[in-house]
Amino acid sequence: MNASRALRRCFGPRVLDYLLAAAMLVEIECEAWLDSTVPDSHRAVTAAAAVLFVAPVALRRRWTAPALVVCAAVAALQAPLDGNLVMGMTGTLLPPLVLAYTVGARFERRRGLAVLSVAIGLLAIGVAVSSAVPEPHPGGGLAQDIVGVCVLTGASWLLGQLTRVHTRRTYAFNALAERVAQQRIEREHSAVAKERLRIGRELHDVIAQNVSAIILQSNGARERIRDNPQSASESILAVEQAARQGL
């Protein structure tokens, strides 16, 4: 997982798709020219069709649905021309599987099923026409080949759907976690603000009480300073004490 993320940061998703398509094309071309299961009369058409067959992989993020349909259409169209993409070659399974996975991962179920149905139909046509070509092909019967293509492509699409659901749930969980964290921070700020307000009110009350005491004691000292200096002195000391307490 960490290696995949590092590659994405270094090259970018589209560059990785180009590299993936190039690797698939090299593998299919090697099979087309070197695999003994490919009849000699079919090698040139197979090698030429492989380019169009793999090219949609490089564009799967930009044109996801057309990429899968074009890939399957190439598989269907090359068969009457004596192509051998869908018969006997293992590497040719990768492009439609990767594209079906991409459709499942990026489209909602109804739209994805529609695109998948068209693609599976075209792939089945390619298998059926290839099986009808009079050259010998390895493998089982026609029904078995068609079912295999349908099952593998459908399974790849289903895996993409599961990945889509998991990704959406992960995003939703992360968004919820961020929202909860934000609410907690807001509650903490609100609590701090309320505590500051409470402390401010208490300080205000304390200071107001001491200032009131200072005023009363000062008035008393002013009235008694001539008649009763001792009492005025005590009032002045009370004023000093109240001032210190207020401070």
Protein backbone atom coordinates (compact mmCIF):
# COMPACT_ATOMS: atom_id res chain seq x y z
CA MET A 1 0.00 0.00 0.00
CA ASN A 2 2.79 2.46 0.91
CA ALA A 3 4.67 1.56 -2.28
CA SER A 4 1.55 2.22 -4.36
CA ARG A 5 1.06 5.63 -2.73
CA ALA A 6 4.72 6.47 -3.30
CA LEU A 7 4.42 5.61 -7.00
CA ARG A 8 1.29 7.77 -7.31
CA ARG A 9 3.07 10.71 -5.72
CA CYS A 10 6.11 10.29 -7.99
CA PHE A 11 4.43 9.62 -11.33
CA GLY A 12 0.74 10.47 -10.98
CA PRO A 13 -2.27 8.23 -11.75
CA ARG A 14 -2.30 8.85 -15.51
CA VAL A 15 1.39 8.09 -15.92
CA LEU A 16 0.88 4.85 -14.00
CA ASP A 17 -1.98 3.97 -16.37
CA TYR A 18 0.30 4.57 -19.36
CA LEU A 19 2.95 2.34 -17.84
CA LEU A 20 0.37 -0.34 -17.06
CA ALA A 21 -0.98 -0.25 -20.62
CA ALA A 22 2.55 -0.44 -22.02
CA ALA A 23 3.37 -3.47 -19.86
CA MET A 24 0.16 -5.23 -20.96
CA LEU A 25 0.87 -4.45 -24.61
CA VAL A 26 4.38 -5.85 -24.41
CA GLU A 27 3.09 -9.05 -22.80
CA ILE A 28 0.29 -9.52 -25.36
CA GLU A 29 2.61 -8.77 -28.30
CA CYS A 30 5.06 -11.38 -27.04
CA GLU A 31 2.23 -13.91 -26.86
CA ALA A 32 0.94 -12.92 -30.28
CA TRP A 33 4.28 -13.53 -31.97
CA LEU A 34 5.79 -16.28 -29.81
CA ASP A 35 2.96 -18.33 -28.27
CA SER A 36 2.51 -21.67 -29.97
CA THR A 37 -1.25 -21.59 -29.35
CA VAL A 38 -1.64 -18.70 -31.80
CA PRO A 39 -1.84 -19.93 -35.43
CA ASP A 40 0.70 -18.33 -37.74
CA SER A 41 -2.05 -16.96 -39.98
CA HIS A 42 -3.52 -15.08 -37.01
CA ARG A 43 -0.39 -13.47 -35.57
CA ALA A 44 -0.35 -10.24 -37.61
CA VAL A 45 -4.03 -9.40 -36.98
CA THR A 46 -3.72 -10.32 -33.34
CA ALA A 47 -0.65 -8.13 -32.87
CA ALA A 48 -2.29 -5.17 -34.61
CA ALA A 49 -5.56 -5.54 -32.71
CA ALA A 50 -3.67 -5.76 -29.42
CA VAL A 51 -2.72 -2.09 -29.71
CA LEU A 52 -6.36 -0.98 -29.87
CA PHE A 53 -7.32 -3.60 -27.31
CA VAL A 54 -4.90 -2.29 -24.67
CA ALA A 55 -5.00 1.44 -25.46
CA PRO A 56 -8.23 2.07 -23.44
CA VAL A 57 -6.36 1.08 -20.26
CA ALA A 58 -4.28 4.25 -20.58
CA LEU A 59 -7.48 6.34 -20.71
CA ARG A 60 -9.54 4.50 -18.13
CA ARG A 61 -9.64 7.41 -15.65
CA ARG A 62 -10.73 9.97 -18.22
CA TRP A 63 -13.19 7.88 -20.26
CA THR A 64 -14.06 5.00 -17.98
CA ALA A 65 -17.20 3.63 -19.63
CA PRO A 66 -16.07 4.14 -23.27
CA ALA A 67 -12.74 2.52 -22.43
CA LEU A 68 -14.37 -0.77 -21.40
CA VAL A 69 -16.81 -0.75 -24.32
CA VAL A 70 -14.05 0.00 -26.86
CA CYS A 71 -11.85 -2.75 -25.44
CA ALA A 72 -14.70 -5.27 -25.70
CA ALA A 73 -15.64 -4.00 -29.18
CA VAL A 74 -12.08 -4.57 -30.42
CA ALA A 75 -12.28 -8.12 -29.07
CA ALA A 76 -15.49 -8.66 -31.04
CA LEU A 77 -14.30 -7.00 -34.27
CA GLN A 78 -10.91 -8.67 -34.50
CA ALA A 79 -12.42 -12.16 -34.35
CA PRO A 80 -13.89 -12.21 -37.90
CA LEU A 81 -10.53 -10.95 -39.18
CA ASP A 82 -8.77 -14.04 -37.81
CA GLY A 83 -7.57 -12.33 -34.64
CA ASN A 84 -6.74 -14.46 -31.64
CA LEU A 85 -7.06 -12.04 -28.72
CA VAL A 86 -9.76 -13.87 -26.80
CA MET A 87 -8.73 -17.47 -27.48
CA GLY A 88 -5.78 -19.18 -25.86
CA MET A 89 -3.87 -16.06 -24.74
CA THR A 90 -3.77 -15.43 -21.02
CA GLY A 91 -2.47 -11.85 -21.16
CA THR A 92 -5.52 -10.64 -23.05
CA LEU A 93 -7.66 -11.24 -19.97
CA LEU A 94 -6.01 -8.35 -18.12
CA PRO A 95 -7.29 -5.28 -20.05
CA PRO A 96 -11.03 -6.09 -19.78
CA LEU A 97 -10.62 -7.15 -16.16
CA VAL A 98 -8.81 -3.93 -15.22
CA LEU A 99 -11.37 -1.83 -17.09
CA ALA A 100 -14.31 -3.70 -15.56
CA TYR A 101 -12.82 -3.12 -12.11
CA THR A 102 -12.47 0.59 -12.90
CA VAL A 103 -16.12 0.80 -13.98
CA GLY A 104 -17.20 -0.90 -10.78
CA ALA A 105 -15.03 1.37 -8.65
CA ARG A 106 -16.12 4.65 -10.26
CA PHE A 107 -19.79 4.21 -11.28
CA GLU A 108 -22.90 3.62 -9.24
CA ARG A 109 -24.47 0.19 -9.58
CA ARG A 110 -27.15 0.81 -12.21
CA ARG A 111 -24.91 2.66 -14.64
CA GLY A 112 -22.05 0.26 -14.03
CA LEU A 113 -24.24 -2.76 -14.76
CA ALA A 114 -25.39 -1.20 -18.02
CA VAL A 115 -21.82 -0.63 -19.19
CA LEU A 116 -20.77 -4.07 -17.97
CA SER A 117 -23.63 -5.79 -19.82
CA VAL A 118 -22.62 -4.17 -23.13
CA ALA A 119 -18.99 -5.11 -22.60
CA ILE A 120 -19.77 -8.72 -21.66
CA GLY A 121 -22.02 -9.03 -24.71
CA LEU A 122 -19.24 -7.83 -27.01
CA LEU A 123 -16.69 -10.11 -25.36
CA ALA A 124 -19.06 -13.06 -25.71
CA ILE A 125 -19.47 -12.24 -29.40
CA GLY A 126 -15.70 -12.17 -29.78
CA VAL A 127 -15.35 -15.56 -28.12
CA ALA A 128 -18.17 -17.06 -30.19
CA VAL A 129 -16.79 -15.78 -33.50
CA SER A 130 -13.25 -16.82 -32.61
CA SER A 131 -14.47 -20.31 -31.79
CA ALA A 132 -16.12 -20.52 -35.22
CA VAL A 133 -12.86 -19.78 -37.09
CA PRO A 134 -11.66 -23.05 -38.64
CA GLU A 135 -8.19 -22.83 -37.11
CA PRO A 136 -7.55 -25.10 -34.10
CA HIS A 137 -7.93 -23.36 -30.73
CA PRO A 138 -7.03 -24.83 -27.35
CA GLY A 139 -9.45 -24.83 -24.47
CA GLY A 140 -12.91 -26.17 -23.76
CA GLY A 141 -16.21 -25.71 -25.50
CA LEU A 142 -17.82 -22.49 -26.58
CA ALA A 143 -20.23 -22.31 -23.64
CA GLN A 144 -17.43 -22.85 -21.18
CA ASP A 145 -15.34 -20.09 -22.75
CA ILE A 146 -18.23 -17.61 -22.77
CA VAL A 147 -19.16 -18.39 -19.17
CA GLY A 148 -15.53 -18.00 -18.13
CA VAL A 149 -15.29 -14.57 -19.76
CA CYS A 150 -18.59 -13.44 -18.22
CA VAL A 151 -17.72 -14.70 -14.74
CA LEU A 152 -14.24 -13.19 -14.68
CA THR A 153 -15.38 -9.83 -16.02
CA GLY A 154 -18.36 -9.73 -13.65
CA ALA A 155 -16.18 -10.70 -10.69
CA SER A 156 -13.74 -7.92 -11.51
CA TRP A 157 -16.61 -5.41 -11.71
CA LEU A 158 -17.99 -6.67 -8.39
CA LEU A 159 -14.58 -6.23 -6.78
CA GLY A 160 -14.58 -2.65 -8.04
CA GLN A 161 -18.03 -2.11 -6.53
CA LEU A 162 -16.85 -3.42 -3.18
CA THR A 163 -13.86 -1.12 -3.36
CA ARG A 164 -16.17 1.80 -4.17
CA VAL A 165 -18.39 1.04 -1.17
CA HIS A 166 -15.37 0.67 1.11
CA THR A 167 -13.85 3.93 -0.15
CA ARG A 168 -17.10 5.86 0.31
CA ARG A 169 -17.51 4.49 3.82
CA THR A 170 -13.92 5.41 4.63
CA TYR A 171 -14.46 8.95 3.36
CA ALA A 172 -17.73 9.21 5.30
CA PHE A 173 -16.07 7.94 8.49
CA ASN A 174 -13.17 10.38 8.09
CA ALA A 175 -15.60 13.24 7.47
CA LEU A 176 -17.59 12.25 10.57
CA ALA A 177 -14.40 12.04 12.63
CA GLU A 178 -13.37 15.50 11.45
CA ARG A 179 -16.81 16.88 12.24
CA VAL A 180 -16.74 15.36 15.73
CA ALA A 181 -13.26 16.75 16.33
CA GLN A 182 -14.38 20.18 15.16
CA GLN A 183 -17.42 20.06 17.42
CA ARG A 184 -15.23 19.05 20.35
CA ILE A 185 -12.91 21.99 19.69
CA GLU A 186 -15.90 24.34 19.46
CA ARG A 187 -17.28 22.99 22.74
CA GLU A 188 -13.88 23.46 24.39
CA HIS A 189 -13.68 27.04 23.11
CA SER A 190 -17.22 27.69 24.30
CA ALA A 191 -16.41 26.27 27.72
CA VAL A 192 -13.28 28.43 27.97
CA ALA A 193 -15.25 31.52 26.94
CA LYS A 194 -17.94 30.78 29.53
CA GLU A 195 -15.34 30.22 32.24
CA ARG A 196 -13.64 33.49 31.36
CA LEU A 197 -16.97 35.27 31.53
CA ARG A 198 -17.73 33.72 34.93
CA ILE A 199 -14.32 34.69 36.30
CA GLY A 200 -14.76 38.20 34.92
CA ARG A 201 -18.10 38.57 36.63
CA GLU A 202 -16.70 37.31 39.92
CA LEU A 203 -13.78 39.71 39.68
CA HIS A 204 -16.17 42.51 38.88
CA ASP A 205 -18.29 41.68 41.93
CA VAL A 206 -15.25 41.46 44.21
CA ILE A 207 -13.82 44.75 42.99
CA ALA A 208 -17.20 46.47 43.15
CA GLN A 209 -17.68 45.25 46.71
CA ASN A 210 -14.25 46.47 47.82
CA VAL A 211 -14.62 49.81 46.04
CA SER A 212 -17.98 50.27 47.75
CA ALA A 213 -16.31 49.55 51.09
CA ILE A 214 -13.53 52.02 50.28
CA ILE A 215 -16.05 54.73 49.49
CA LEU A 216 -18.01 54.14 52.68
CA GLN A 217 -14.90 54.06 54.87
CA SER A 218 -13.52 57.18 53.17
CA ASN A 219 -16.74 59.08 53.82
CA GLY A 220 -16.67 57.99 57.43
CA ALA A 221 -13.04 59.03 57.85
CA ARG A 222 -13.70 62.44 56.29
CA GLU A 223 -16.62 63.08 58.64
CA ARG A 224 -14.73 61.99 61.81
CA ILE A 225 -11.24 63.25 61.05
CA ARG A 226 -11.72 66.40 63.15
CA ASP A 227 -13.99 65.16 65.91
CA ASN A 228 -12.58 61.68 66.38
CA PRO A 229 -9.12 61.24 64.82
CA GLN A 230 -8.73 57.73 66.29
CA SER A 231 -11.88 56.50 64.59
CA ALA A 232 -10.87 58.25 61.36
CA SER A 233 -7.53 56.51 61.52
CA GLU A 234 -9.26 53.16 61.86
CA SER A 235 -11.45 54.01 58.85
CA ILE A 236 -8.35 54.91 56.83
CA LEU A 237 -6.78 51.56 57.78
CA ALA A 238 -10.00 49.83 56.67
CA VAL A 239 -9.79 51.70 53.38
CA GLU A 240 -6.20 50.50 52.91
CA GLN A 241 -7.18 46.91 53.73
CA ALA A 242 -10.14 46.98 51.34
CA ALA A 243 -7.92 48.40 48.60
CA ARG A 244 -5.37 45.65 49.10
CA GLN A 245 -8.07 42.98 49.07
CA GLY A 246 -9.51 44.42 45.88
CA LEU A 247 -6.05 44.48 44.27
